Amino acid sequence: MNQPAIADLLHPVTWPEGFKAAASFTFDVDAESCTIAHDPTSTRRMSLMTHQSYGPKVAVPRLLQILERQDIRATFFIPGFTAESYPDVVRAIVDGGHEVAHHGYLHEPMQGIDAATEARYLDRGLEALAKVAGIRPVGYRAPWWELNWHSPGLLADRGFLYDSSLLDGDAPYRMAVAADDPRDIVEIPVDWALDDWEQYAFYPGVTGSGVIESPAKVLEMWTLEAEAHHSQGSCFVLTNHPFISGRPSKAVALEQLIERVKGMEGMWVTTMEDIALHTKATIDAIHTHGRIEVPTYPGAGARLEPATVREGVLK
């Protein structure tokens, strides 16, 4: 890029010595769970189920080979049901040195659910990952990136280090779990422009417009995004779904992207856990999020509780 990007001034970050920016390649191993959660009757559709099972059965082994060839570690967000259904795949991910993180149990719809229900989803997912792979994940990504206001507190209660579901930054930051709670967790923001779903996902009657983009176009777009993050010293986080980006030409383009990102001078390509640990240890500002209350609508107006930043303790 000829013109350097302007950094996210709200979330200043410094990286380990020798690095000027960070990048993490992440994979949401939804498999059948996301379609079942959307419509339980989808299990009757044999072809749809095979479309989803392609992810763990064919794509994840392919992606693991790519990651090994490129000598990088990635983060895999795995629903508990996927782990129970494909335990050998999860164990192969762990054996490959990659991070496994939490992604719900059945990729449940999160919008508007109460805290008790969400807690059950979290605990069931934790139990599945512990049973299958003997791990206790430190990272969480909400299904459909749909975090609730009570979610951070539930994550802190269970010892999570970080979340990756919000969209309000270019760099990781520490966020208070609630305005009146002294605890905090790390947030590593995401971006719909860096999600393969918007580029490639299509299944008749389920998702997508029917327009499946060329991997060449997607490679160009994601390269521009990576270059901008590198230029401004921020954090490039790519979200892929194996049943989408694990298909042949898309996987080839993804490996080309990995090579380009690795080749950027001073780019730290690592797991989300590593990025979160570094953030917790080097950033003392703790953010809350502005919250808008609309008592009745229309006609009664609205009230904004502004976001704040306070000083915390390095961990």
Protein backbone atom coordinates (compact mmCIF):
# COMPACT_ATOMS: atom_id res chain seq x y z
CA MET A 1 0.00 0.00 0.00
CA ASN A 2 1.31 3.46 -0.89
CA GLN A 3 -0.67 5.30 1.78
CA PRO A 4 -0.26 4.01 5.36
CA ALA A 5 -3.48 3.30 7.22
CA ILE A 6 -4.40 5.39 10.27
CA ALA A 7 -4.35 3.43 13.52
CA ASP A 8 -7.25 2.78 15.87
CA LEU A 9 -6.53 5.54 18.41
CA LEU A 10 -9.11 4.26 20.91
CA HIS A 11 -7.27 0.95 21.35
CA PRO A 12 -3.51 1.61 21.22
CA VAL A 13 -1.41 -1.53 21.31
CA THR A 14 2.25 -2.50 21.22
CA TRP A 15 3.48 -5.90 20.15
CA PRO A 16 6.34 -8.12 21.38
CA GLU A 17 9.83 -6.98 20.47
CA GLY A 18 10.52 -7.45 16.79
CA PHE A 19 6.86 -7.27 15.72
CA LYS A 20 4.87 -4.30 14.44
CA ALA A 21 1.44 -5.92 13.91
CA ALA A 22 -0.37 -9.20 14.58
CA ALA A 23 -2.47 -11.65 12.60
CA SER A 24 -4.48 -14.71 13.57
CA PHE A 25 -6.14 -17.24 11.30
CA THR A 26 -9.24 -18.63 12.96
CA PHE A 27 -11.68 -21.37 11.99
CA ASP A 28 -15.24 -21.87 13.21
CA VAL A 29 -15.82 -25.61 12.94
CA ASP A 30 -19.61 -25.37 12.89
CA ALA A 31 -20.26 -28.53 10.85
CA GLU A 32 -23.95 -29.49 11.14
CA SER A 33 -24.55 -27.49 14.30
CA CYS A 34 -25.27 -24.11 12.73
CA THR A 35 -27.96 -25.46 10.41
CA ILE A 36 -29.55 -27.59 13.15
CA ALA A 37 -29.70 -24.62 15.50
CA HIS A 38 -31.31 -22.53 12.76
CA ASP A 39 -33.82 -25.25 11.85
CA PRO A 40 -33.89 -28.62 13.68
CA THR A 41 -35.79 -30.17 10.76
CA SER A 42 -32.71 -29.65 8.58
CA THR A 43 -31.47 -33.03 9.82
CA ARG A 44 -33.99 -34.56 7.39
CA ARG A 45 -32.09 -33.07 4.44
CA MET A 46 -29.38 -35.57 3.57
CA SER A 47 -27.63 -33.35 1.02
CA LEU A 48 -27.55 -30.38 3.41
CA MET A 49 -26.07 -32.54 6.16
CA THR A 50 -23.31 -33.72 3.82
CA HIS A 51 -22.61 -30.10 2.83
CA GLN A 52 -21.94 -29.32 6.49
CA SER A 53 -20.08 -32.52 7.37
CA TYR A 54 -17.59 -31.78 4.57
CA GLY A 55 -15.99 -29.40 7.08
CA PRO A 56 -14.73 -31.85 9.70
CA LYS A 57 -14.50 -34.87 7.38
CA VAL A 58 -12.58 -33.40 4.43
CA ALA A 59 -11.72 -29.75 4.98
CA VAL A 60 -10.17 -29.77 8.45
CA PRO A 61 -7.58 -32.44 7.52
CA ARG A 62 -6.74 -30.36 4.43
CA LEU A 63 -6.46 -27.16 6.45
CA LEU A 64 -4.26 -28.84 9.04
CA GLN A 65 -1.88 -29.86 6.26
CA ILE A 66 -1.78 -26.27 5.01
CA LEU A 67 -1.08 -24.91 8.49
CA GLU A 68 1.68 -27.48 9.00
CA ARG A 69 3.22 -26.65 5.63
CA GLN A 70 3.11 -22.94 6.45
CA ASP A 71 4.40 -23.60 9.99
CA ILE A 72 1.77 -21.48 11.77
CA ARG A 73 -0.57 -22.13 14.66
CA ALA A 74 -4.25 -21.24 14.34
CA THR A 75 -7.29 -21.02 16.60
CA PHE A 76 -10.27 -23.33 16.06
CA PHE A 77 -13.59 -22.30 17.63
CA ILE A 78 -15.53 -25.54 18.07
CA PRO A 79 -19.14 -26.08 19.21
CA GLY A 80 -19.49 -28.84 21.79
CA PHE A 81 -21.77 -30.85 19.52
CA THR A 82 -19.14 -30.81 16.78
CA ALA A 83 -16.56 -32.06 19.27
CA GLU A 84 -18.84 -34.91 20.37
CA SER A 85 -19.66 -35.81 16.76
CA TYR A 86 -16.07 -35.68 15.45
CA PRO A 87 -13.77 -36.36 18.42
CA ASP A 88 -10.86 -37.57 16.25
CA VAL A 89 -10.92 -34.29 14.31
CA VAL A 90 -10.72 -32.25 17.51
CA ARG A 91 -7.87 -34.36 18.80
CA ALA A 92 -6.03 -33.92 15.48
CA ILE A 93 -6.36 -30.14 15.87
CA VAL A 94 -4.91 -30.31 19.37
CA ASP A 95 -2.14 -32.70 18.27
CA GLY A 96 -1.24 -30.20 15.54
CA GLY A 97 -0.39 -27.63 18.21
CA HIS A 98 -3.39 -25.41 17.55
CA GLU A 99 -5.66 -23.66 20.01
CA VAL A 100 -9.18 -24.96 20.58
CA ALA A 101 -11.69 -22.37 21.77
CA HIS A 102 -15.38 -22.39 22.71
CA HIS A 103 -18.15 -21.69 20.18
CA GLY A 104 -21.33 -22.67 22.00
CA TYR A 105 -22.70 -26.17 22.23
CA LEU A 106 -25.04 -26.39 19.21
CA HIS A 107 -24.22 -22.99 17.72
CA GLU A 108 -27.35 -21.79 19.51
CA PRO A 109 -29.11 -18.54 18.58
CA MET A 110 -27.92 -16.03 21.19
CA GLN A 111 -29.95 -12.92 20.58
CA GLY A 112 -32.09 -12.02 23.59
CA ILE A 113 -31.57 -15.22 25.61
CA ASP A 114 -31.43 -14.95 29.40
CA ALA A 115 -28.28 -15.45 31.44
CA ALA A 116 -29.35 -18.81 32.87
CA THR A 117 -29.95 -20.26 29.42
CA GLU A 118 -26.66 -18.93 28.10
CA ALA A 119 -24.85 -20.35 31.12
CA ARG A 120 -26.22 -23.80 30.27
CA TYR A 121 -24.93 -23.48 26.70
CA LEU A 122 -21.49 -22.44 27.96
CA ASP A 123 -21.25 -25.24 30.50
CA ARG A 124 -22.41 -27.92 28.10
CA GLY A 125 -19.82 -26.78 25.55
CA LEU A 126 -17.10 -26.82 28.20
CA GLU A 127 -18.08 -30.32 29.26
CA ALA A 128 -17.94 -31.59 25.68
CA LEU A 129 -14.49 -30.14 24.97
CA ALA A 130 -13.15 -31.50 28.27
CA LYS A 131 -14.55 -34.96 27.60
CA VAL A 132 -13.34 -35.18 24.00
CA ALA A 133 -9.94 -33.50 24.18
CA GLY A 134 -9.21 -32.97 27.86
CA ILE A 135 -8.97 -29.21 27.43
CA ARG A 136 -10.37 -26.17 29.19
CA PRO A 137 -10.52 -23.40 26.56
CA VAL A 138 -9.57 -19.85 27.47
CA GLY A 139 -11.21 -18.25 24.41
CA TYR A 140 -14.81 -17.82 23.33
CA ARG A 141 -16.60 -16.70 20.19
CA ALA A 142 -20.37 -16.34 20.34
CA PRO A 143 -22.38 -18.07 17.61
CA TRP A 144 -23.13 -15.52 14.91
CA TRP A 145 -20.91 -13.09 16.91
CA GLU A 146 -24.01 -12.28 18.97
CA LEU A 147 -22.82 -11.36 22.47
CA ASN A 148 -25.34 -10.33 25.14
CA TRP A 149 -24.73 -7.67 27.78
CA HIS A 150 -24.55 -10.38 30.45
CA SER A 151 -22.18 -12.60 28.40
CA PRO A 152 -18.84 -11.11 29.59
CA GLY A 153 -19.75 -11.79 33.22
CA LEU A 154 -20.62 -15.40 32.45
CA LEU A 155 -17.29 -15.80 30.67
CA ALA A 156 -15.37 -14.28 33.58
CA ASP A 157 -17.20 -16.58 36.01
CA ARG A 158 -15.81 -19.53 34.05
CA GLY A 159 -12.26 -18.24 33.84
CA PHE A 160 -12.17 -17.28 30.16
CA LEU A 161 -9.27 -15.06 29.14
CA TYR A 162 -10.79 -13.55 26.03
CA ASP A 163 -13.79 -13.16 23.76
CA SER A 164 -13.84 -12.58 20.00
CA SER A 165 -17.37 -11.50 19.11
CA LEU A 166 -17.49 -7.70 19.07
CA LEU A 167 -16.85 -5.39 16.15
CA ASP A 168 -15.75 -2.06 17.63
CA GLY A 169 -12.01 -2.02 17.09
CA ASP A 170 -9.01 -2.92 14.95
CA ALA A 171 -6.86 -4.06 17.88
CA PRO A 172 -7.43 -6.11 21.03
CA TYR A 173 -8.35 -4.37 24.26
CA ARG A 174 -9.42 -5.15 27.81
CA MET A 175 -13.11 -4.76 28.59
CA ALA A 176 -14.91 -4.65 31.90
CA VAL A 177 -17.42 -7.45 32.26
CA ALA A 178 -19.90 -4.87 33.57
CA ALA A 179 -19.78 -1.21 34.53
CA ASP A 180 -19.87 -2.03 38.26
CA ASP A 181 -17.67 -5.16 38.12
CA PRO A 182 -13.90 -4.89 38.72
CA ARG A 183 -13.15 -7.92 36.53
CA ASP A 184 -12.20 -7.72 32.87
CA ILE A 185 -11.53 -9.97 29.90
CA VAL A 186 -9.71 -9.32 26.64
CA GLU A 187 -11.74 -8.56 23.52
CA ILE A 188 -10.20 -9.38 20.13
CA PRO A 189 -12.54 -7.72 17.61
CA VAL A 190 -13.78 -9.26 14.38
CA ASP A 191 -15.11 -7.83 11.11
CA TRP A 192 -17.68 -9.13 8.62
CA ALA A 193 -15.34 -8.17 5.77
CA LEU A 194 -12.93 -10.76 7.16
CA ASP A 195 -15.40 -13.63 7.29
CA ASP A 196 -15.64 -16.17 4.49
CA TRP A 197 -19.39 -16.57 5.04
CA GLU A 198 -20.14 -13.27 3.34
CA GLN A 199 -17.99 -14.21 0.34
CA TYR A 200 -18.71 -17.86 -0.30
CA ALA A 201 -21.59 -19.28 1.74
CA PHE A 202 -24.59 -20.52 -0.18
CA TYR A 203 -27.07 -23.32 0.23
CA PRO A 204 -30.56 -23.19 -1.32
CA GLY A 205 -33.17 -22.25 1.25
CA VAL A 206 -30.61 -21.90 4.02
CA THR A 207 -28.16 -19.05 3.42
CA GLY A 208 -26.60 -16.78 0.83
CA SER A 209 -27.77 -14.96 -2.27
CA GLY A 210 -26.53 -17.54 -4.76
CA VAL A 211 -23.53 -15.39 -5.68
CA ILE A 212 -20.34 -17.24 -4.76
CA GLU A 213 -17.32 -14.99 -5.15
CA SER A 214 -14.13 -15.92 -6.97
CA PRO A 215 -11.29 -16.89 -4.60
CA ALA A 216 -9.09 -14.52 -6.61
CA LYS A 217 -11.33 -11.59 -5.69
CA VAL A 218 -11.46 -12.67 -2.05
CA LEU A 219 -7.69 -13.08 -1.92
CA GLU A 220 -7.28 -9.54 -3.22
CA MET A 221 -9.76 -8.13 -0.69
CA TRP A 222 -8.28 -9.94 2.29
CA THR A 223 -4.74 -9.02 1.21
CA LEU A 224 -5.72 -5.34 1.21
CA GLU A 225 -7.20 -5.74 4.69
CA ALA A 226 -4.05 -7.48 5.95
CA GLU A 227 -1.83 -4.79 4.43
CA ALA A 228 -3.86 -2.06 6.12
CA HIS A 229 -3.71 -3.77 9.52
CA HIS A 230 0.01 -4.29 9.09
CA SER A 231 0.51 -0.66 8.09
CA GLN A 232 -1.36 0.70 11.11
CA GLY A 233 0.12 -1.82 13.54
CA SER A 234 -3.15 -3.45 14.49
CA CYS A 235 -4.55 -6.99 14.52
CA PHE A 236 -5.75 -8.86 11.43
CA VAL A 237 -8.24 -11.58 12.43
CA LEU A 238 -9.61 -13.80 9.67
CA THR A 239 -12.63 -16.00 10.32
CA ASN A 240 -13.05 -19.06 8.11
CA HIS A 241 -15.46 -21.99 8.20
CA PRO A 242 -13.91 -25.28 7.07
CA PHE A 243 -16.99 -26.37 5.10
CA ILE A 244 -16.58 -23.16 3.10
CA SER A 245 -12.90 -22.20 2.90
CA GLY A 246 -11.72 -25.79 3.02
CA ARG A 247 -13.02 -26.41 -0.52
CA PRO A 248 -10.18 -26.85 -3.04
CA SER A 249 -9.77 -23.49 -4.79
CA LYS A 250 -10.69 -21.56 -1.67
CA ALA A 251 -8.11 -23.47 0.36
CA VAL A 252 -5.46 -22.71 -2.26
CA ALA A 253 -6.30 -18.99 -2.05
CA LEU A 254 -6.20 -19.16 1.74
CA GLU A 255 -2.72 -20.63 1.68
CA GLN A 256 -1.61 -17.89 -0.70
CA LEU A 257 -2.99 -15.35 1.76
CA ILE A 258 -1.12 -16.98 4.64
CA GLU A 259 2.11 -16.76 2.65
CA ARG A 260 1.49 -13.07 1.94
CA VAL A 261 0.71 -12.27 5.57
CA LYS A 262 3.74 -14.20 6.81
CA GLY A 263 5.87 -12.22 4.38
CA MET A 264 4.89 -8.85 5.85
CA GLU A 265 7.84 -7.51 7.81
CA GLY A 266 7.28 -7.71 11.55
CA MET A 267 3.91 -9.48 11.34
CA TRP A 268 3.30 -11.70 14.38
CA VAL A 269 1.21 -14.65 13.11
CA THR A 270 -0.05 -16.54 16.13
CA THR A 271 -3.05 -17.83 18.07
CA MET A 272 -5.76 -15.75 19.65
CA GLU A 273 -4.64 -16.99 23.07
CA ASP A 274 -1.13 -15.60 22.53
CA ILE A 275 -2.58 -12.24 21.45
CA ALA A 276 -4.90 -12.15 24.47
CA LEU A 277 -2.12 -13.01 26.93
CA HIS A 278 0.04 -10.25 25.48
CA THR A 279 -2.84 -7.77 25.69
CA LYS A 280 -3.57 -8.63 29.32
CA ALA A 281 0.10 -8.19 30.21
CA THR A 282 0.76 -4.91 28.41
CA ILE A 283 -2.45 -2.86 28.36
CA ASP A 284 -3.82 -1.32 31.53
CA ALA A 285 -6.79 0.60 30.07
CA ILE A 286 -10.10 -1.17 30.68
CA HIS A 287 -13.06 -0.22 28.52
CA THR A 288 -16.77 -0.32 29.12
CA HIS A 289 -19.26 -0.11 26.28
CA GLY A 290 -21.81 2.61 25.78
CA ARG A 291 -25.32 1.30 26.30
CA ILE A 292 -28.49 2.83 24.90
CA GLU A 293 -31.76 2.51 26.79
CA VAL A 294 -35.05 3.15 24.99
CA PRO A 295 -37.84 2.81 27.61
CA THR A 296 -40.67 2.97 25.09
CA TYR A 297 -40.65 3.48 21.36
CA PRO A 298 -41.59 5.60 19.56
CA GLY A 299 -42.00 8.96 21.22
CA ALA A 300 -40.22 8.63 24.56
CA GLY A 301 -36.68 9.35 23.41
CA ALA A 302 -33.59 7.40 24.39
CA ARG A 303 -30.72 7.57 26.86
CA LEU A 304 -27.05 6.73 26.27
CA GLU A 305 -24.86 5.47 29.09
CA PRO A 306 -21.45 6.47 27.67
CA ALA A 307 -18.51 4.15 27.33
CA THR A 308 -15.64 4.70 29.75
CA VAL A 309 -11.99 3.79 30.11
CA ARG A 310 -10.36 3.12 33.48
CA GLU A 311 -6.91 2.02 34.54
CA GLY A 312 -6.44 -1.61 35.37
CA VAL A 313 -3.67 -3.89 36.60
CA LEU A 314 -1.35 -5.70 34.20
CA LYS A 315 -1.67 -9.46 34.51
